[in-house]
Amino acid sequence: MAPSVFLAHGSPMNALADNRYTRAWRAFGERMRPRAVLAVSAHWVTRGTAVTAMAHPRTIHDFGGFPRELFEVEYPAPGDPQLAQRVRELLSPIQVMLDQDQWGLDHGTWSVLRHVYPHADVPVVQLSLDATMSNREHYELAKRLRPLREEGVLIAGFGNVVHNLRRLDWNEAAAPAPWAEHFNRHVDDALRSRDHDALIDLVDDEATRLSVPTPEHYWPLLYALAQQGDDEPAEILIDGIEHASIGMLSAAFGTVD
């Protein structure tokens, strides 16, 4: 049975980097070889739910202001139209649009997967995030995807638990902001204690508001979390806070006996 995983993507420049985060992603890929990946990225937010259904998803360079080298990166992983249809079936009666030509693989997905599966030889399908849903609704929707794990599909969320670009400190040696460190510790503790409710119904305090000023980077965690079995602990793959306000905590479920 394939695991589920939440991988914090951080800066698009991680696509080109060799650092402790990219090495952790690579090590995960060396351990886990799924039939396909169902990716949930913070960078595909829609009204309603959609899933990529093309045979050859394009590489989307959905960012600006970075070196030309990054725009030249391609991640030519195949799609899987049959998996897209299977996702649609599992999420019924929710209407899921089969996207055959509009989206593809955005940088939230490919900037990480090019380290996890560098040969781009594992099929990838992306599922969008419905902007109208609450945390609880995303989690309950994600639970319907659980049969995919038994079918060899890795359900992967790509986002950041702490993501506040307005509080970014470009100094690479910048210490974590106290509020970011507090919220990140809360998430880590809840993951280790299997407290799903604490991760879904977030406390409305300053640390939460600053760490999750908008929800789209947090939601992918809920898609991975919803797959966790009753006897499956969370494995923390890597952790850290970059530039004071970008959390790099990554966790996997179903990888530890």
C-alpha atoms as a PDB file:
ATOM      1  CA  MET A   1       0.000   0.000   0.000  1.00  0.00           C
ATOM      2  CA  ALA A   2       1.344   3.415  -0.950  1.00  0.00           C
ATOM      3  CA  PRO A   3       1.823   6.044   1.763  1.00  0.00           C
ATOM      4  CA  SER A   4       0.647   9.629   1.793  1.00  0.00           C
ATOM      5  CA  VAL A   5       2.993  12.554   2.212  1.00  0.00           C
ATOM      6  CA  PHE A   6       3.091  16.300   2.761  1.00  0.00           C
ATOM      7  CA  LEU A   7       6.194  17.937   1.310  1.00  0.00           C
ATOM      8  CA  ALA A   8       6.880  21.610   1.975  1.00  0.00           C
ATOM      9  CA  HIS A   9       8.061  23.139  -1.291  1.00  0.00           C
ATOM     10  CA  GLY A  10       9.317  26.535  -0.107  1.00  0.00           C
ATOM     11  CA  SER A  11      10.992  28.753  -2.716  1.00  0.00           C
ATOM     12  CA  PRO A  12      10.786  27.717  -6.394  1.00  0.00           C
ATOM     13  CA  MET A  13      14.589  27.876  -6.308  1.00  0.00           C
ATOM     14  CA  ASN A  14      14.549  24.590  -4.399  1.00  0.00           C
ATOM     15  CA  ALA A  15      13.923  23.029  -7.803  1.00  0.00           C
ATOM     16  CA  LEU A  16      17.579  23.783  -8.622  1.00  0.00           C
ATOM     17  CA  ALA A  17      19.057  23.429  -5.138  1.00  0.00           C
ATOM     18  CA  ASP A  18      21.002  20.741  -3.363  1.00  0.00           C
ATOM     19  CA  ASN A  19      20.203  21.297   0.303  1.00  0.00           C
ATOM     20  CA  ARG A  20      18.916  19.375   3.288  1.00  0.00           C
ATOM     21  CA  TYR A  21      15.321  19.668   2.081  1.00  0.00           C
ATOM     22  CA  THR A  22      15.945  18.428  -1.441  1.00  0.00           C
ATOM     23  CA  ARG A  23      18.071  15.593  -0.063  1.00  0.00           C
ATOM     24  CA  ALA A  24      15.214  14.574   2.248  1.00  0.00           C
ATOM     25  CA  TRP A  25      12.812  14.556  -0.721  1.00  0.00           C
ATOM     26  CA  ARG A  26      15.261  12.455  -2.724  1.00  0.00           C
ATOM     27  CA  ALA A  27      15.665   9.972   0.131  1.00  0.00           C
ATOM     28  CA  PHE A  28      11.885   9.615   0.385  1.00  0.00           C
ATOM     29  CA  GLY A  29      11.632   8.859  -3.328  1.00  0.00           C
ATOM     30  CA  GLU A  30      14.335   6.226  -3.076  1.00  0.00           C
ATOM     31  CA  ARG A  31      12.248   4.407  -0.446  1.00  0.00           C
ATOM     32  CA  MET A  32       8.829   4.794  -2.033  1.00  0.00           C
ATOM     33  CA  ARG A  33       7.992   3.850  -5.604  1.00  0.00           C
ATOM     34  CA  PRO A  34       4.232   4.259  -6.262  1.00  0.00           C
ATOM     35  CA  ARG A  35       2.245   3.391  -9.364  1.00  0.00           C
ATOM     36  CA  ALA A  36       1.313   7.062  -9.701  1.00  0.00           C
ATOM     37  CA  VAL A  37       1.150  10.299  -7.722  1.00  0.00           C
ATOM     38  CA  LEU A  38      -2.023  12.239  -6.966  1.00  0.00           C
ATOM     39  CA  ALA A  39      -0.686  15.717  -6.213  1.00  0.00           C
ATOM     40  CA  VAL A  40      -2.500  18.451  -4.288  1.00  0.00           C
ATOM     41  CA  SER A  41      -0.647  21.735  -4.703  1.00  0.00           C
ATOM     42  CA  ALA A  42      -1.191  25.061  -2.982  1.00  0.00           C
ATOM     43  CA  HIS A  43      -0.874  26.668  -6.402  1.00  0.00           C
ATOM     44  CA  TRP A  44      -3.999  25.281  -8.053  1.00  0.00           C
ATOM     45  CA  VAL A  45      -6.991  26.885  -6.342  1.00  0.00           C
ATOM     46  CA  THR A  46     -10.344  26.821  -8.143  1.00  0.00           C
ATOM     47  CA  ARG A  47     -14.052  27.314  -7.579  1.00  0.00           C
ATOM     48  CA  GLY A  48     -15.258  23.749  -7.553  1.00  0.00           C
ATOM     49  CA  THR A  49     -13.008  20.713  -7.887  1.00  0.00           C
ATOM     50  CA  ALA A  50     -10.941  19.743 -10.916  1.00  0.00           C
ATOM     51  CA  VAL A  51      -8.412  17.052 -11.749  1.00  0.00           C
ATOM     52  CA  THR A  52      -5.874  16.968 -14.563  1.00  0.00           C
ATOM     53  CA  ALA A  53      -6.862  14.327 -17.108  1.00  0.00           C
ATOM     54  CA  MET A  54      -4.369  14.835 -19.918  1.00  0.00           C
ATOM     55  CA  ALA A  55      -1.861  12.195 -21.003  1.00  0.00           C
ATOM     56  CA  HIS A  56       1.018  14.684 -21.058  1.00  0.00           C
ATOM     57  CA  PRO A  57       0.637  17.527 -18.517  1.00  0.00           C
ATOM     58  CA  ARG A  58       2.677  20.621 -19.268  1.00  0.00           C
ATOM     59  CA  THR A  59       5.210  22.114 -16.848  1.00  0.00           C
ATOM     60  CA  ILE A  60       3.753  25.394 -15.564  1.00  0.00           C
ATOM     61  CA  HIS A  61       6.161  28.176 -14.567  1.00  0.00           C
ATOM     62  CA  ASP A  62       3.725  30.009 -12.318  1.00  0.00           C
ATOM     63  CA  PHE A  63       6.082  32.546 -10.742  1.00  0.00           C
ATOM     64  CA  GLY A  64       8.078  35.638 -11.620  1.00  0.00           C
ATOM     65  CA  GLY A  65      11.320  37.385 -10.786  1.00  0.00           C
ATOM     66  CA  PHE A  66      13.522  34.279 -10.708  1.00  0.00           C
ATOM     67  CA  PRO A  67      16.577  33.373 -12.827  1.00  0.00           C
ATOM     68  CA  ARG A  68      16.021  32.289 -16.418  1.00  0.00           C
ATOM     69  CA  GLU A  69      17.430  28.867 -15.577  1.00  0.00           C
ATOM     70  CA  LEU A  70      14.358  28.134 -13.465  1.00  0.00           C
ATOM     71  CA  PHE A  71      11.989  28.960 -16.315  1.00  0.00           C
ATOM     72  CA  GLU A  72      13.831  26.488 -18.508  1.00  0.00           C
ATOM     73  CA  VAL A  73      13.164  23.550 -16.184  1.00  0.00           C
ATOM     74  CA  GLU A  74      10.793  20.950 -17.611  1.00  0.00           C
ATOM     75  CA  TYR A  75       9.305  18.030 -15.702  1.00  0.00           C
ATOM     76  CA  PRO A  76       7.839  15.755 -18.408  1.00  0.00           C
ATOM     77  CA  ALA A  77       6.111  13.213 -16.173  1.00  0.00           C
ATOM     78  CA  PRO A  78       3.216  11.468 -17.918  1.00  0.00           C
ATOM     79  CA  GLY A  79      -0.338  11.987 -16.799  1.00  0.00           C
ATOM     80  CA  ASP A  80      -2.846   9.238 -16.062  1.00  0.00           C
ATOM     81  CA  PRO A  81      -6.351   9.861 -17.474  1.00  0.00           C
ATOM     82  CA  GLN A  82      -7.629   6.625 -15.929  1.00  0.00           C
ATOM     83  CA  LEU A  83      -6.502   7.747 -12.471  1.00  0.00           C
ATOM     84  CA  ALA A  84      -8.237  11.083 -13.050  1.00  0.00           C
ATOM     85  CA  GLN A  85     -11.446   9.232 -13.814  1.00  0.00           C
ATOM     86  CA  ARG A  86     -10.974   7.085 -10.702  1.00  0.00           C
ATOM     87  CA  VAL A  87     -10.599  10.248  -8.584  1.00  0.00           C
ATOM     88  CA  ARG A  88     -13.807  11.568 -10.093  1.00  0.00           C
ATOM     89  CA  GLU A  89     -15.612   8.349  -9.169  1.00  0.00           C
ATOM     90  CA  LEU A  90     -14.333   8.363  -5.587  1.00  0.00           C
ATOM     91  CA  LEU A  91     -15.362  11.976  -4.999  1.00  0.00           C
ATOM     92  CA  SER A  92     -18.866  11.550  -6.399  1.00  0.00           C
ATOM     93  CA  PRO A  93     -21.481  13.027  -5.880  1.00  0.00           C
ATOM     94  CA  ILE A  94     -19.223  16.087  -5.834  1.00  0.00           C
ATOM     95  CA  GLN A  95     -18.860  17.263  -9.409  1.00  0.00           C
ATOM     96  CA  VAL A  96     -15.235  16.964 -10.526  1.00  0.00           C
ATOM     97  CA  MET A  97     -14.174  18.596 -13.772  1.00  0.00           C
ATOM     98  CA  LEU A  98     -11.772  16.546 -15.893  1.00  0.00           C
ATOM     99  CA  ASP A  99      -9.240  19.123 -17.077  1.00  0.00           C
ATOM    100  CA  GLN A 100      -7.741  17.999 -20.380  1.00  0.00           C
ATOM    101  CA  ASP A 101      -6.001  21.162 -21.549  1.00  0.00           C
ATOM    102  CA  GLN A 102      -6.038  24.034 -19.027  1.00  0.00           C
ATOM    103  CA  TRP A 103      -3.652  23.161 -16.190  1.00  0.00           C
ATOM    104  CA  GLY A 104      -0.733  20.750 -15.845  1.00  0.00           C
ATOM    105  CA  LEU A 105       1.970  20.484 -13.178  1.00  0.00           C
ATOM    106  CA  ASP A 106       2.595  23.752 -11.321  1.00  0.00           C
ATOM    107  CA  HIS A 107       5.797  24.600  -9.481  1.00  0.00           C
ATOM    108  CA  GLY A 108       4.394  23.523  -6.117  1.00  0.00           C
ATOM    109  CA  THR A 109       4.401  20.002  -7.530  1.00  0.00           C
ATOM    110  CA  TRP A 110       7.284  19.802  -9.992  1.00  0.00           C
ATOM    111  CA  SER A 111       9.847  21.751  -7.974  1.00  0.00           C
ATOM    112  CA  VAL A 112       9.672  18.938  -5.409  1.00  0.00           C
ATOM    113  CA  LEU A 113       8.979  15.921  -7.617  1.00  0.00           C
ATOM    114  CA  ARG A 114      12.028  16.593  -9.781  1.00  0.00           C
ATOM    115  CA  HIS A 115      14.007  15.624  -6.658  1.00  0.00           C
ATOM    116  CA  VAL A 116      11.705  12.815  -5.482  1.00  0.00           C
ATOM    117  CA  TYR A 117      11.456  11.142  -8.904  1.00  0.00           C
ATOM    118  CA  PRO A 118      14.183  12.848 -10.952  1.00  0.00           C
ATOM    119  CA  HIS A 119      13.598  10.748 -14.065  1.00  0.00           C
ATOM    120  CA  ALA A 120       9.967  11.963 -14.313  1.00  0.00           C
ATOM    121  CA  ASP A 121       8.930   8.366 -14.878  1.00  0.00           C
ATOM    122  CA  VAL A 122       6.058   8.180 -12.359  1.00  0.00           C
ATOM    123  CA  PRO A 123       2.667   9.374 -13.695  1.00  0.00           C
ATOM    124  CA  VAL A 124       1.332  12.491 -11.974  1.00  0.00           C
ATOM    125  CA  VAL A 125      -2.228  13.775 -11.706  1.00  0.00           C
ATOM    126  CA  GLN A 126      -3.092  17.038  -9.925  1.00  0.00           C
ATOM    127  CA  LEU A 127      -6.240  17.654  -7.897  1.00  0.00           C
ATOM    128  CA  SER A 128      -7.316  21.268  -7.381  1.00  0.00           C
ATOM    129  CA  LEU A 129      -8.246  22.944  -4.116  1.00  0.00           C
ATOM    130  CA  ASP A 130     -11.798  24.282  -3.984  1.00  0.00           C
ATOM    131  CA  ALA A 131     -11.530  27.797  -2.553  1.00  0.00           C
ATOM    132  CA  THR A 132     -15.088  27.650  -1.202  1.00  0.00           C
ATOM    133  CA  MET A 133     -14.389  24.752   1.199  1.00  0.00           C
ATOM    134  CA  SER A 134     -13.436  24.944   4.874  1.00  0.00           C
ATOM    135  CA  ASN A 135     -10.585  23.014   6.468  1.00  0.00           C
ATOM    136  CA  ARG A 136     -13.041  20.375   7.641  1.00  0.00           C
ATOM    137  CA  GLU A 137     -14.612  20.049   4.216  1.00  0.00           C
ATOM    138  CA  HIS A 138     -11.209  19.571   2.567  1.00  0.00           C
ATOM    139  CA  TYR A 139     -10.311  16.905   5.112  1.00  0.00           C
ATOM    140  CA  GLU A 140     -13.585  15.027   4.637  1.00  0.00           C
ATOM    141  CA  LEU A 141     -13.231  15.212   0.858  1.00  0.00           C
ATOM    142  CA  ALA A 142      -9.696  13.858   1.106  1.00  0.00           C
ATOM    143  CA  LYS A 143     -10.848  10.859   3.170  1.00  0.00           C
ATOM    144  CA  ARG A 144     -12.756   9.631   0.115  1.00  0.00           C
ATOM    145  CA  LEU A 145      -9.438   9.169  -1.651  1.00  0.00           C
ATOM    146  CA  ARG A 146      -8.174   6.534   0.797  1.00  0.00           C
ATOM    147  CA  PRO A 147      -8.812   3.560  -1.555  1.00  0.00           C
ATOM    148  CA  LEU A 148      -6.151   4.963  -3.860  1.00  0.00           C
ATOM    149  CA  ARG A 149      -3.421   4.052  -1.388  1.00  0.00           C
ATOM    150  CA  GLU A 150      -4.391   0.383  -1.729  1.00  0.00           C
ATOM    151  CA  GLU A 151      -4.185   0.840  -5.499  1.00  0.00           C
ATOM    152  CA  GLY A 152      -0.568   1.942  -5.303  1.00  0.00           C
ATOM    153  CA  VAL A 153      -1.140   5.695  -5.617  1.00  0.00           C
ATOM    154  CA  LEU A 154       0.909   8.107  -3.521  1.00  0.00           C
ATOM    155  CA  ILE A 155      -1.317  10.947  -2.317  1.00  0.00           C
ATOM    156  CA  ALA A 156       0.991  13.935  -1.976  1.00  0.00           C
ATOM    157  CA  GLY A 157       0.292  17.423  -0.652  1.00  0.00           C
ATOM    158  CA  PHE A 158       2.629  20.270  -1.601  1.00  0.00           C
ATOM    159  CA  GLY A 159       2.439  23.472   0.447  1.00  0.00           C
ATOM    160  CA  ASN A 160       3.892  25.057   3.583  1.00  0.00           C
ATOM    161  CA  VAL A 161       2.504  24.825   7.114  1.00  0.00           C
ATOM    162  CA  VAL A 162       3.885  28.308   7.806  1.00  0.00           C
ATOM    163  CA  HIS A 163       3.638  30.632   4.801  1.00  0.00           C
ATOM    164  CA  ASN A 164       3.741  34.394   5.244  1.00  0.00           C
ATOM    165  CA  LEU A 165       5.481  36.189   2.389  1.00  0.00           C
ATOM    166  CA  ARG A 166       4.839  39.623   3.894  1.00  0.00           C
ATOM    167  CA  ARG A 167       6.954  38.741   6.945  1.00  0.00           C
ATOM    168  CA  LEU A 168       9.771  37.232   4.864  1.00  0.00           C
ATOM    169  CA  ASP A 169      13.354  38.068   5.844  1.00  0.00           C
ATOM    170  CA  TRP A 170      15.642  37.615   2.824  1.00  0.00           C
ATOM    171  CA  ASN A 171      18.639  37.041   5.093  1.00  0.00           C
ATOM    172  CA  GLU A 172      19.314  33.320   4.735  1.00  0.00           C
ATOM    173  CA  ALA A 173      20.531  33.207   8.326  1.00  0.00           C
ATOM    174  CA  ALA A 174      17.377  34.836   9.664  1.00  0.00           C
ATOM    175  CA  ALA A 175      16.035  33.219  12.835  1.00  0.00           C
ATOM    176  CA  PRO A 176      12.478  31.849  12.809  1.00  0.00           C
ATOM    177  CA  ALA A 177       9.893  34.394  13.874  1.00  0.00           C
ATOM    178  CA  PRO A 178       8.609  33.434  17.362  1.00  0.00           C
ATOM    179  CA  TRP A 179       5.026  33.122  16.096  1.00  0.00           C
ATOM    180  CA  ALA A 180       6.170  30.876  13.234  1.00  0.00           C
ATOM    181  CA  GLU A 181       8.150  28.683  15.597  1.00  0.00           C
ATOM    182  CA  HIS A 182       5.158  28.442  17.947  1.00  0.00           C
ATOM    183  CA  PHE A 183       2.711  27.408  15.239  1.00  0.00           C
ATOM    184  CA  ASN A 184       5.156  25.008  13.635  1.00  0.00           C
ATOM    185  CA  ARG A 185       5.682  23.318  17.014  1.00  0.00           C
ATOM    186  CA  HIS A 186       1.911  23.040  17.447  1.00  0.00           C
ATOM    187  CA  VAL A 187       1.607  21.256  14.102  1.00  0.00           C
ATOM    188  CA  ASP A 188       4.526  18.961  14.854  1.00  0.00           C
ATOM    189  CA  ASP A 189       3.070  18.024  18.252  1.00  0.00           C
ATOM    190  CA  ALA A 190      -0.384  17.368  16.767  1.00  0.00           C
ATOM    191  CA  LEU A 191       1.094  15.189  14.026  1.00  0.00           C
ATOM    192  CA  ARG A 192       3.048  13.108  16.514  1.00  0.00           C
ATOM    193  CA  SER A 193       0.019  12.692  18.806  1.00  0.00           C
ATOM    194  CA  ARG A 194      -2.372  11.950  15.903  1.00  0.00           C
ATOM    195  CA  ASP A 195      -4.597  14.871  16.925  1.00  0.00           C
ATOM    196  CA  HIS A 196      -6.364  15.495  13.627  1.00  0.00           C
ATOM    197  CA  ASP A 197      -8.920  17.841  15.137  1.00  0.00           C
ATOM    198  CA  ALA A 198      -6.185  20.176  16.342  1.00  0.00           C
ATOM    199  CA  LEU A 199      -4.878  20.353  12.773  1.00  0.00           C
ATOM    200  CA  ILE A 200      -8.302  20.899  11.223  1.00  0.00           C
ATOM    201  CA  ASP A 201      -9.942  23.281  13.694  1.00  0.00           C
ATOM    202  CA  LEU A 202      -7.090  25.709  14.182  1.00  0.00           C
ATOM    203  CA  VAL A 203      -7.024  27.967  17.218  1.00  0.00           C
ATOM    204  CA  ASP A 204      -7.712  31.569  16.252  1.00  0.00           C
ATOM    205  CA  ASP A 205      -4.677  33.250  17.794  1.00  0.00           C
ATOM    206  CA  GLU A 206      -1.885  35.515  16.565  1.00  0.00           C
ATOM    207  CA  ALA A 207       0.496  32.662  15.757  1.00  0.00           C
ATOM    208  CA  THR A 208      -2.110  30.952  13.586  1.00  0.00           C
ATOM    209  CA  ARG A 209      -3.185  34.143  11.834  1.00  0.00           C
ATOM    210  CA  LEU A 210       0.394  35.054  10.975  1.00  0.00           C
ATOM    211  CA  SER A 211       1.418  31.528   9.993  1.00  0.00           C
ATOM    212  CA  VAL A 212      -1.673  30.863   7.888  1.00  0.00           C
ATOM    213  CA  PRO A 213      -2.738  34.285   6.598  1.00  0.00           C
ATOM    214  CA  THR A 214      -4.415  32.510   3.668  1.00  0.00           C
ATOM    215  CA  PRO A 215      -5.279  28.811   3.748  1.00  0.00           C
ATOM    216  CA  GLU A 216      -4.136  27.449   0.388  1.00  0.00           C
ATOM    217  CA  HIS A 217      -0.622  26.490   1.522  1.00  0.00           C
ATOM    218  CA  TYR A 218      -2.018  24.750   4.603  1.00  0.00           C
ATOM    219  CA  TRP A 219      -4.780  22.742   2.910  1.00  0.00           C
ATOM    220  CA  PRO A 220      -2.451  20.213   1.187  1.00  0.00           C
ATOM    221  CA  LEU A 221      -1.395  18.966   4.632  1.00  0.00           C
ATOM    222  CA  LEU A 222      -5.014  17.967   5.296  1.00  0.00           C
ATOM    223  CA  TYR A 223      -5.113  15.822   2.155  1.00  0.00           C
ATOM    224  CA  ALA A 224      -2.112  13.803   3.307  1.00  0.00           C
ATOM    225  CA  LEU A 225      -3.321  13.708   6.917  1.00  0.00           C
ATOM    226  CA  ALA A 226      -6.746  12.351   5.919  1.00  0.00           C
ATOM    227  CA  GLN A 227      -5.099   9.164   4.607  1.00  0.00           C
ATOM    228  CA  GLN A 228      -3.503   8.275   7.954  1.00  0.00           C
ATOM    229  CA  GLY A 229      -4.565   4.847   9.191  1.00  0.00           C
ATOM    230  CA  ASP A 230      -5.412   4.136  12.818  1.00  0.00           C
ATOM    231  CA  ASP A 231      -2.110   2.333  13.410  1.00  0.00           C
ATOM    232  CA  GLU A 232       0.110   4.625  11.350  1.00  0.00           C
ATOM    233  CA  PRO A 233       2.351   7.135  13.111  1.00  0.00           C
ATOM    234  CA  ALA A 234       3.483  10.293  11.372  1.00  0.00           C
ATOM    235  CA  GLU A 235       7.065  10.301  10.165  1.00  0.00           C
ATOM    236  CA  ILE A 236       8.646  13.760  10.176  1.00  0.00           C
ATOM    237  CA  LEU A 237      10.896  13.732   7.109  1.00  0.00           C
ATOM    238  CA  ILE A 238      12.455  17.169   7.552  1.00  0.00           C
ATOM    239  CA  ASP A 239      11.694  20.368   9.435  1.00  0.00           C
ATOM    240  CA  GLY A 240      12.857  23.948   9.562  1.00  0.00           C
ATOM    241  CA  ILE A 241      11.760  27.547   9.079  1.00  0.00           C
ATOM    242  CA  GLU A 242      13.434  29.509   6.302  1.00  0.00           C
ATOM    243  CA  HIS A 243      13.644  33.297   5.955  1.00  0.00           C
ATOM    244  CA  ALA A 244      11.804  33.703   9.287  1.00  0.00           C
ATOM    245  CA  SER A 245       8.343  32.878   7.939  1.00  0.00           C
ATOM    246  CA  ILE A 246       8.376  29.875   5.566  1.00  0.00           C
ATOM    247  CA  GLY A 247       7.900  26.509   7.254  1.00  0.00           C
ATOM    248  CA  MET A 248       9.541  23.462   5.699  1.00  0.00           C
ATOM    249  CA  LEU A 249       8.023  20.761   7.912  1.00  0.00           C
ATOM    250  CA  SER A 250       7.349  17.645   5.825  1.00  0.00           C
ATOM    251  CA  ALA A 251       5.597  14.512   7.052  1.00  0.00           C
ATOM    252  CA  ALA A 252       4.645  11.089   5.731  1.00  0.00           C
ATOM    253  CA  PHE A 253       2.011   8.566   6.770  1.00  0.00           C
ATOM    254  CA  GLY A 254       2.160   4.842   6.180  1.00  0.00           C
ATOM    255  CA  THR A 255       5.944   4.637   5.979  1.00  0.00           C
ATOM    256  CA  VAL A 256       6.704   3.360   9.492  1.00  0.00           C
ATOM    257  CA  ASP A 257       5.627  -0.060  10.765  1.00  0.00           C
END
